[in-house]
């Protein structure tokens, strides 16, 4: 006893399950393309080296202000007291 389904292909759920994966990837690629075209990357400043040096100066000043805290942290971790100047 053999049965055949004479329904059209779009009425089967497995067909839509198989089609939905690649279809979502194609839609996501168009969304990604739109985002890439509509929001270009900013141009690097011509004086980027000087800006980097200024950032390093700021970071060094912050690190110097944290020196007592860093020494306390190191003493707590190792048990060795730092040398007094």
PDB file of N, CA and C in Angstrom:
ATOM      1  N   UNK A   1       0.838  -1.168   0.000  1.00  0.00           N
ATOM      2  CA  UNK A   1       0.000   0.000   0.000  1.00  0.00           C
ATOM      3  C   UNK A   1       0.892   1.243   0.000  1.00  0.00           C
ATOM      4  N   UNK A   2       0.801   1.983  -1.022  1.00  0.00           N
ATOM      5  CA  UNK A   2       1.654   3.144  -1.216  1.00  0.00           C
ATOM      6  C   UNK A   2       0.805   4.402  -1.244  1.00  0.00           C
ATOM      7  N   UNK A   3       1.266   5.417  -0.458  1.00  0.00           N
ATOM      8  CA  UNK A   3       0.516   6.679  -0.456  1.00  0.00           C
ATOM      9  C   UNK A   3       1.411   7.779  -0.988  1.00  0.00           C
ATOM     10  N   UNK A   4       0.841   8.668  -1.738  1.00  0.00           N
ATOM     11  CA  UNK A   4       1.572   9.810  -2.283  1.00  0.00           C
ATOM     12  C   UNK A   4       0.857  11.075  -1.875  1.00  0.00           C
ATOM     13  N   UNK A   5       1.664  12.038  -1.476  1.00  0.00           N
ATOM     14  CA  UNK A   5       1.104  13.344  -1.171  1.00  0.00           C
ATOM     15  C   UNK A   5       1.120  14.168  -2.450  1.00  0.00           C
ATOM     16  N   UNK A   6      -0.001  14.644  -2.817  1.00  0.00           N
ATOM     17  CA  UNK A   6      -0.094  15.462  -4.019  1.00  0.00           C
ATOM     18  C   UNK A   6      -0.180  16.946  -3.665  1.00  0.00           C
ATOM     19  N   UNK A   7       0.384  17.291  -2.515  1.00  0.00           N
ATOM     20  CA  UNK A   7       0.369  18.679  -2.093  1.00  0.00           C
ATOM     21  C   UNK A   7       1.530  19.414  -2.757  1.00  0.00           C
ATOM     22  N   UNK A   8       1.409  20.732  -2.931  1.00  0.00           N
ATOM     23  CA  UNK A   8       2.522  21.505  -3.502  1.00  0.00           C
ATOM     24  C   UNK A   8       3.689  21.589  -2.513  1.00  0.00           C
ATOM     25  N   UNK A   9       4.867  21.908  -3.027  1.00  0.00           N
ATOM     26  CA  UNK A   9       6.078  21.886  -2.217  1.00  0.00           C
ATOM     27  C   UNK A   9       6.038  22.887  -1.078  1.00  0.00           C
ATOM     28  N   UNK A  10       5.387  24.010  -1.266  1.00  0.00           N
ATOM     29  CA  UNK A  10       5.397  25.048  -0.221  1.00  0.00           C
ATOM     30  C   UNK A  10       4.515  24.727   0.971  1.00  0.00           C
ATOM     31  N   UNK A  11       3.783  23.678   0.896  1.00  0.00           N
ATOM     32  CA  UNK A  11       2.919  23.321   2.022  1.00  0.00           C
ATOM     33  C   UNK A  11       3.617  22.423   3.046  1.00  0.00           C
ATOM     34  N   UNK A  12       4.859  22.049   2.770  1.00  0.00           N
ATOM     35  CA  UNK A  12       5.612  21.216   3.706  1.00  0.00           C
ATOM     36  C   UNK A  12       6.506  22.101   4.585  1.00  0.00           C
ATOM     37  N   UNK A  13       6.449  21.875   5.888  1.00  0.00           N
ATOM     38  CA  UNK A  13       7.208  22.685   6.828  1.00  0.00           C
ATOM     39  C   UNK A  13       8.707  22.516   6.720  1.00  0.00           C
ATOM     40  N   UNK A  14       9.156  21.317   6.369  1.00  0.00           N
ATOM     41  CA  UNK A  14      10.595  21.081   6.265  1.00  0.00           C
ATOM     42  C   UNK A  14      11.226  21.898   5.138  1.00  0.00           C
ATOM     43  N   UNK A  15      10.484  22.149   4.101  1.00  0.00           N
ATOM     44  CA  UNK A  15      11.002  22.960   3.003  1.00  0.00           C
ATOM     45  C   UNK A  15      11.322  24.358   3.513  1.00  0.00           C
ATOM     46  N   UNK A  16      10.418  24.937   4.281  1.00  0.00           N
ATOM     47  CA  UNK A  16      10.632  26.294   4.814  1.00  0.00           C
ATOM     48  C   UNK A  16      11.741  26.303   5.863  1.00  0.00           C
ATOM     49  N   UNK A  17      11.904  25.228   6.580  1.00  0.00           N
ATOM     50  CA  UNK A  17      12.996  25.127   7.543  1.00  0.00           C
ATOM     51  C   UNK A  17      14.348  25.145   6.819  1.00  0.00           C
ATOM     52  N   UNK A  18      14.434  24.452   5.709  1.00  0.00           N
ATOM     53  CA  UNK A  18      15.669  24.399   4.929  1.00  0.00           C
ATOM     54  C   UNK A  18      15.931  25.733   4.228  1.00  0.00           C
ATOM     55  N   UNK A  19      14.911  26.361   3.702  1.00  0.00           N
ATOM     56  CA  UNK A  19      15.063  27.630   2.980  1.00  0.00           C
ATOM     57  C   UNK A  19      15.369  28.784   3.935  1.00  0.00           C
ATOM     58  N   UNK A  20      14.863  28.739   5.162  1.00  0.00           N
ATOM     59  CA  UNK A  20      14.980  29.881   6.066  1.00  0.00           C
ATOM     60  C   UNK A  20      16.431  30.184   6.464  1.00  0.00           C
ATOM     61  N   UNK A  21      17.283  29.181   6.607  1.00  0.00           N
ATOM     62  CA  UNK A  21      18.677  29.419   6.994  1.00  0.00           C
ATOM     63  C   UNK A  21      19.422  30.275   5.982  1.00  0.00           C
ATOM     64  N   UNK A  22      19.544  29.836   4.740  1.00  0.00           N
ATOM     65  CA  UNK A  22      20.231  30.666   3.738  1.00  0.00           C
ATOM     66  C   UNK A  22      19.538  32.008   3.491  1.00  0.00           C
ATOM     67  N   UNK A  23      18.234  32.038   3.587  1.00  0.00           N
ATOM     68  CA  UNK A  23      17.509  33.286   3.374  1.00  0.00           C
ATOM     69  C   UNK A  23      17.860  34.310   4.459  1.00  0.00           C
ATOM     70  N   UNK A  24      17.965  33.870   5.707  1.00  0.00           N
ATOM     71  CA  UNK A  24      18.357  34.774   6.788  1.00  0.00           C
ATOM     72  C   UNK A  24      19.781  35.288   6.602  1.00  0.00           C
ATOM     73  N   UNK A  25      20.671  34.456   6.098  1.00  0.00           N
ATOM     74  CA  UNK A  25      22.046  34.883   5.852  1.00  0.00           C
ATOM     75  C   UNK A  25      22.086  35.948   4.760  1.00  0.00           C
ATOM     76  N   UNK A  26      21.313  35.773   3.714  1.00  0.00           N
ATOM     77  CA  UNK A  26      21.265  36.761   2.634  1.00  0.00           C
ATOM     78  C   UNK A  26      20.710  38.086   3.147  1.00  0.00           C
ATOM     79  N   UNK A  27      19.654  38.044   3.940  1.00  0.00           N
ATOM     80  CA  UNK A  27      19.070  39.266   4.507  1.00  0.00           C
ATOM     81  C   UNK A  27      20.077  39.956   5.420  1.00  0.00           C
ATOM     82  N   UNK A  28      20.759  39.190   6.262  1.00  0.00           N
ATOM     83  CA  UNK A  28      21.756  39.768   7.165  1.00  0.00           C
ATOM     84  C   UNK A  28      22.915  40.387   6.386  1.00  0.00           C
ATOM     85  N   UNK A  29      23.296  39.797   5.264  1.00  0.00           N
ATOM     86  CA  UNK A  29      24.389  40.366   4.472  1.00  0.00           C
ATOM     87  C   UNK A  29      23.971  41.694   3.852  1.00  0.00           C
ATOM     88  N   UNK A  30      22.730  41.828   3.434  1.00  0.00           N
ATOM     89  CA  UNK A  30      22.273  43.111   2.901  1.00  0.00           C
ATOM     90  C   UNK A  30      22.199  44.176   3.999  1.00  0.00           C
ATOM     91  N   UNK A  31      21.804  43.787   5.197  1.00  0.00           N
ATOM     92  CA  UNK A  31      21.788  44.728   6.320  1.00  0.00           C
ATOM     93  C   UNK A  31      23.215  45.168   6.651  1.00  0.00           C
ATOM     94  N   UNK A  32      24.143  44.238   6.654  1.00  0.00           N
ATOM     95  CA  UNK A  32      25.544  44.569   6.913  1.00  0.00           C
ATOM     96  C   UNK A  32      26.098  45.485   5.828  1.00  0.00           C
ATOM     97  N   UNK A  33      25.762  45.230   4.585  1.00  0.00           N
ATOM     98  CA  UNK A  33      26.202  46.083   3.484  1.00  0.00           C
ATOM     99  C   UNK A  33      25.653  47.494   3.644  1.00  0.00           C
ATOM    100  N   UNK A  34      24.391  47.619   4.008  1.00  0.00           N
ATOM    101  CA  UNK A  34      23.786  48.938   4.219  1.00  0.00           C
ATOM    102  C   UNK A  34      24.497  49.696   5.341  1.00  0.00           C
ATOM    103  N   UNK A  35      24.778  49.011   6.451  1.00  0.00           N
ATOM    104  CA  UNK A  35      25.476  49.660   7.573  1.00  0.00           C
ATOM    105  C   UNK A  35      26.877  50.092   7.145  1.00  0.00           C
ATOM    106  N   UNK A  36      27.583  49.267   6.394  1.00  0.00           N
ATOM    107  CA  UNK A  36      28.944  49.596   5.959  1.00  0.00           C
ATOM    108  C   UNK A  36      28.959  50.784   5.008  1.00  0.00           C
ATOM    109  N   UNK A  37      27.960  50.896   4.157  1.00  0.00           N
ATOM    110  CA  UNK A  37      27.926  51.998   3.199  1.00  0.00           C
ATOM    111  C   UNK A  37      27.439  53.285   3.850  1.00  0.00           C
ATOM    112  N   UNK A  38      26.463  53.208   4.724  1.00  0.00           N
ATOM    113  CA  UNK A  38      25.854  54.414   5.285  1.00  0.00           C
ATOM    114  C   UNK A  38      26.665  55.025   6.423  1.00  0.00           C
ATOM    115  N   UNK A  39      27.545  54.278   7.063  1.00  0.00           N
ATOM    116  CA  UNK A  39      28.344  54.792   8.181  1.00  0.00           C
ATOM    117  C   UNK A  39      29.825  54.532   7.918  1.00  0.00           C
ATOM    118  N   UNK A  40      30.471  55.397   7.134  1.00  0.00           N
ATOM    119  CA  UNK A  40      31.892  55.163   6.821  1.00  0.00           C
ATOM    120  C   UNK A  40      32.776  55.370   8.041  1.00  0.00           C
ATOM    121  N   UNK A  41      33.930  54.730   8.023  1.00  0.00           N
ATOM    122  CA  UNK A  41      34.893  54.864   9.115  1.00  0.00           C
ATOM    123  C   UNK A  41      35.466  56.277   9.124  1.00  0.00           C
ATOM    124  N   UNK A  42      35.752  56.814  10.303  1.00  0.00           N
ATOM    125  CA  UNK A  42      36.344  58.156  10.353  1.00  0.00           C
ATOM    126  C   UNK A  42      37.785  58.136   9.837  1.00  0.00           C
ATOM    127  N   UNK A  43      38.190  59.249   9.266  1.00  0.00           N
ATOM    128  CA  UNK A  43      39.539  59.371   8.742  1.00  0.00           C
ATOM    129  C   UNK A  43      40.490  59.617   9.907  1.00  0.00           C
ATOM    130  N   UNK A  44      41.669  59.013   9.854  1.00  0.00           N
ATOM    131  CA  UNK A  44      42.660  59.191  10.914  1.00  0.00           C
ATOM    132  C   UNK A  44      43.210  60.606  10.837  1.00  0.00           C
ATOM    133  N   UNK A  45      43.350  61.230  11.995  1.00  0.00           N
ATOM    134  CA  UNK A  45      43.878  62.588  12.079  1.00  0.00           C
ATOM    135  C   UNK A  45      45.316  62.615  11.572  1.00  0.00           C
ATOM    136  N   UNK A  46      45.668  63.678  10.845  1.00  0.00           N
ATOM    137  CA  UNK A  46      47.029  63.785  10.320  1.00  0.00           C
ATOM    138  C   UNK A  46      48.064  63.926  11.423  1.00  0.00           C
ATOM    139  N   UNK A  47      47.659  64.450  12.562  1.00  0.00           N
ATOM    140  CA  UNK A  47      48.589  64.673  13.667  1.00  0.00           C
ATOM    141  C   UNK A  47      48.380  63.613  14.760  1.00  0.00           C
ATOM    142  N   UNK A  48      48.191  62.362  14.338  1.00  0.00           N
ATOM    143  CA  UNK A  48      47.886  61.291  15.285  1.00  0.00           C
ATOM    144  C   UNK A  48      49.035  61.022  16.254  1.00  0.00           C
ATOM    145  N   UNK A  49      50.274  61.240  15.824  1.00  0.00           N
ATOM    146  CA  UNK A  49      51.427  60.931  16.678  1.00  0.00           C
ATOM    147  C   UNK A  49      51.452  61.870  17.885  1.00  0.00           C
ATOM    148  N   UNK A  50      51.209  63.166  17.669  1.00  0.00           N
ATOM    149  CA  UNK A  50      51.201  64.125  18.770  1.00  0.00           C
ATOM    150  C   UNK A  50      50.075  63.821  19.738  1.00  0.00           C
ATOM    151  N   UNK A  51      48.913  63.433  19.215  1.00  0.00           N
ATOM    152  CA  UNK A  51      47.790  63.067  20.090  1.00  0.00           C
ATOM    153  C   UNK A  51      48.131  61.846  20.939  1.00  0.00           C
ATOM    154  N   UNK A  52      48.846  60.893  20.366  1.00  0.00           N
ATOM    155  CA  UNK A  52      49.257  59.707  21.119  1.00  0.00           C
ATOM    156  C   UNK A  52      50.212  60.047  22.239  1.00  0.00           C
ATOM    157  N   UNK A  53      51.128  60.966  21.978  1.00  0.00           N
ATOM    158  CA  UNK A  53      52.067  61.388  23.020  1.00  0.00           C
ATOM    159  C   UNK A  53      51.319  62.070  24.163  1.00  0.00           C
ATOM    160  N   UNK A  54      50.320  62.901  23.833  1.00  0.00           N
ATOM    161  CA  UNK A  54      49.526  63.567  24.874  1.00  0.00           C
ATOM    162  C   UNK A  54      48.757  62.553  25.717  1.00  0.00           C
ATOM    163  N   UNK A  55      48.236  61.534  25.087  1.00  0.00           N
ATOM    164  CA  UNK A  55      47.519  60.488  25.824  1.00  0.00           C
ATOM    165  C   UNK A  55      48.468  59.769  26.768  1.00  0.00           C
ATOM    166  N   UNK A  56      49.679  59.466  26.295  1.00  0.00           N
ATOM    167  CA  UNK A  56      50.661  58.799  27.155  1.00  0.00           C
ATOM    168  C   UNK A  56      51.034  59.658  28.354  1.00  0.00           C
ATOM    169  N   UNK A  57      51.175  60.977  28.161  1.00  0.00           N
ATOM    170  CA  UNK A  57      51.478  61.868  29.283  1.00  0.00           C
ATOM    171  C   UNK A  57      50.365  61.813  30.325  1.00  0.00           C
ATOM    172  N   UNK A  58      49.124  61.840  29.868  1.00  0.00           N
ATOM    173  CA  UNK A  58      47.980  61.778  30.776  1.00  0.00           C
ATOM    174  C   UNK A  58      47.972  60.456  31.538  1.00  0.00           C
ATOM    175  N   UNK A  59      48.242  59.360  30.856  1.00  0.00           N
ATOM    176  CA  UNK A  59      48.251  58.046  31.511  1.00  0.00           C
ATOM    177  C   UNK A  59      49.377  57.951  32.530  1.00  0.00           C
ATOM    178  N   UNK A  60      50.540  58.529  32.214  1.00  0.00           N
ATOM    179  CA  UNK A  60      51.659  58.507  33.163  1.00  0.00           C
ATOM    180  C   UNK A  60      51.328  59.311  34.418  1.00  0.00           C
ATOM    181  N   UNK A  61      50.647  60.446  34.263  1.00  0.00           N
ATOM    182  CA  UNK A  61      50.245  61.238  35.422  1.00  0.00           C
ATOM    183  C   UNK A  61      49.268  60.454  36.295  1.00  0.00           C
ATOM    184  N   UNK A  62      48.341  59.744  35.682  1.00  0.00           N
ATOM    185  CA  UNK A  62      47.380  58.940  36.445  1.00  0.00           C
ATOM    186  C   UNK A  62      48.093  57.802  37.166  1.00  0.00           C
ATOM    187  N   UNK A  63      49.067  57.184  36.525  1.00  0.00           N
ATOM    188  CA  UNK A  63      49.773  56.066  37.131  1.00  0.00           C
ATOM    189  C   UNK A  63      50.580  56.543  38.331  1.00  0.00           C
ATOM    190  N   UNK A  64      51.202  57.732  38.228  1.00  0.00           N
ATOM    191  CA  UNK A  64      51.970  58.271  39.349  1.00  0.00           C
ATOM    192  C   UNK A  64      51.079  58.576  40.545  1.00  0.00           C
ATOM    193  N   UNK A  65      49.845  58.995  40.297  1.00  0.00           N
ATOM    194  CA  UNK A  65      48.946  59.301  41.411  1.00  0.00           C
ATOM    195  C   UNK A  65      48.450  58.020  42.092  1.00  0.00           C
ATOM    196  N   UNK A  66      48.540  56.889  41.420  1.00  0.00           N
ATOM    197  CA  UNK A  66      48.089  55.617  41.992  1.00  0.00           C
ATOM    198  C   UNK A  66      49.225  54.817  42.628  1.00  0.00           C
ATOM    199  N   UNK A  67      50.430  55.381  42.688  1.00  0.00           N
ATOM    200  CA  UNK A  67      51.581  54.639  43.186  1.00  0.00           C
ATOM    201  C   UNK A  67      51.374  54.077  44.589  1.00  0.00           C
ATOM    202  N   UNK A  68      50.841  54.842  45.578  1.00  0.00           N
ATOM    203  CA  UNK A  68      50.631  54.241  46.905  1.00  0.00           C
ATOM    204  C   UNK A  68      49.654  53.064  46.881  1.00  0.00           C
ATOM    205  N   UNK A  69      48.633  53.157  46.070  1.00  0.00           N
ATOM    206  CA  UNK A  69      47.661  52.070  45.993  1.00  0.00           C
ATOM    207  C   UNK A  69      48.282  50.827  45.372  1.00  0.00           C
ATOM    208  N   UNK A  70      49.110  51.027  44.368  1.00  0.00           N
ATOM    209  CA  UNK A  70      49.764  49.887  43.716  1.00  0.00           C
ATOM    210  C   UNK A  70      50.738  49.217  44.677  1.00  0.00           C
ATOM    211  N   UNK A  71      51.476  50.016  45.463  1.00  0.00           N
ATOM    212  CA  UNK A  71      52.395  49.432  46.444  1.00  0.00           C
ATOM    213  C   UNK A  71      51.635  48.632  47.491  1.00  0.00           C
ATOM    214  N   UNK A  72      50.512  49.159  47.954  1.00  0.00           N
ATOM    215  CA  UNK A  72      49.704  48.420  48.928  1.00  0.00           C
ATOM    216  C   UNK A  72      49.173  47.128  48.355  1.00  0.00           C
ATOM    217  N   UNK A  73      48.750  47.158  47.103  1.00  0.00           N
ATOM    218  CA  UNK A  73      48.256  45.948  46.451  1.00  0.00           C
ATOM    219  C   UNK A  73      49.362  44.921  46.333  1.00  0.00           C
ATOM    220  N   UNK A  74      50.562  45.364  45.950  1.00  0.00           N
ATOM    221  CA  UNK A  74      51.678  44.440  45.805  1.00  0.00           C
ATOM    222  C   UNK A  74      52.075  43.847  47.148  1.00  0.00           C
ATOM    223  N   UNK A  75      52.040  44.662  48.205  1.00  0.00           N
ATOM    224  CA  UNK A  75      52.383  44.154  49.537  1.00  0.00           C
ATOM    225  C   UNK A  75      51.363  43.121  49.982  1.00  0.00           C
ATOM    226  N   UNK A  76      50.085  43.363  49.710  1.00  0.00           N
ATOM    227  CA  UNK A  76      49.051  42.412  50.101  1.00  0.00           C
ATOM    228  C   UNK A  76      49.197  41.100  49.337  1.00  0.00           C
ATOM    229  N   UNK A  77      49.630  41.164  48.095  1.00  0.00           N
ATOM    230  CA  UNK A  77      49.747  39.960  47.278  1.00  0.00           C
ATOM    231  C   UNK A  77      50.980  39.145  47.619  1.00  0.00           C
ATOM    232  N   UNK A  78      52.100  39.834  47.935  1.00  0.00           N
ATOM    233  CA  UNK A  78      53.349  39.110  48.152  1.00  0.00           C
ATOM    234  C   UNK A  78      53.766  39.034  49.604  1.00  0.00           C
ATOM    235  N   UNK A  79      53.283  39.971  50.433  1.00  0.00           N
ATOM    236  CA  UNK A  79      53.702  40.006  51.814  1.00  0.00           C
ATOM    237  C   UNK A  79      55.018  40.707  52.024  1.00  0.00           C
ATOM    238  N   UNK A  80      55.605  41.240  50.983  1.00  0.00           N
ATOM    239  CA  UNK A  80      56.883  41.949  51.068  1.00  0.00           C
ATOM    240  C   UNK A  80      56.594  43.443  51.131  1.00  0.00           C
ATOM    241  N   UNK A  81      57.135  44.109  52.153  1.00  0.00           N
ATOM    242  CA  UNK A  81      56.928  45.542  52.295  1.00  0.00           C
ATOM    243  C   UNK A  81      57.834  46.266  51.290  1.00  0.00           C
ATOM    244  N   UNK A  82      57.307  47.309  50.661  1.00  0.00           N
ATOM    245  CA  UNK A  82      58.148  48.066  49.716  1.00  0.00           C
ATOM    246  C   UNK A  82      59.195  48.873  50.456  1.00  0.00           C
ATOM    247  N   UNK A  83      60.296  49.153  49.783  1.00  0.00           N
ATOM    248  CA  UNK A  83      61.383  49.941  50.379  1.00  0.00           C
ATOM    249  C   UNK A  83      60.918  51.371  50.552  1.00  0.00           C
ATOM    250  N   UNK A  84      61.262  51.979  51.680  1.00  0.00           N
ATOM    251  CA  UNK A  84      60.900  53.373  51.961  1.00  0.00           C
ATOM    252  C   UNK A  84      61.977  54.276  51.413  1.00  0.00           C
ATOM    253  N   UNK A  85      61.579  55.333  50.759  1.00  0.00           N
ATOM    254  CA  UNK A  85      62.530  56.286  50.175  1.00  0.00           C
ATOM    255  C   UNK A  85      62.666  57.475  51.070  1.00  0.00           C
TER     256      UNK A  85
END
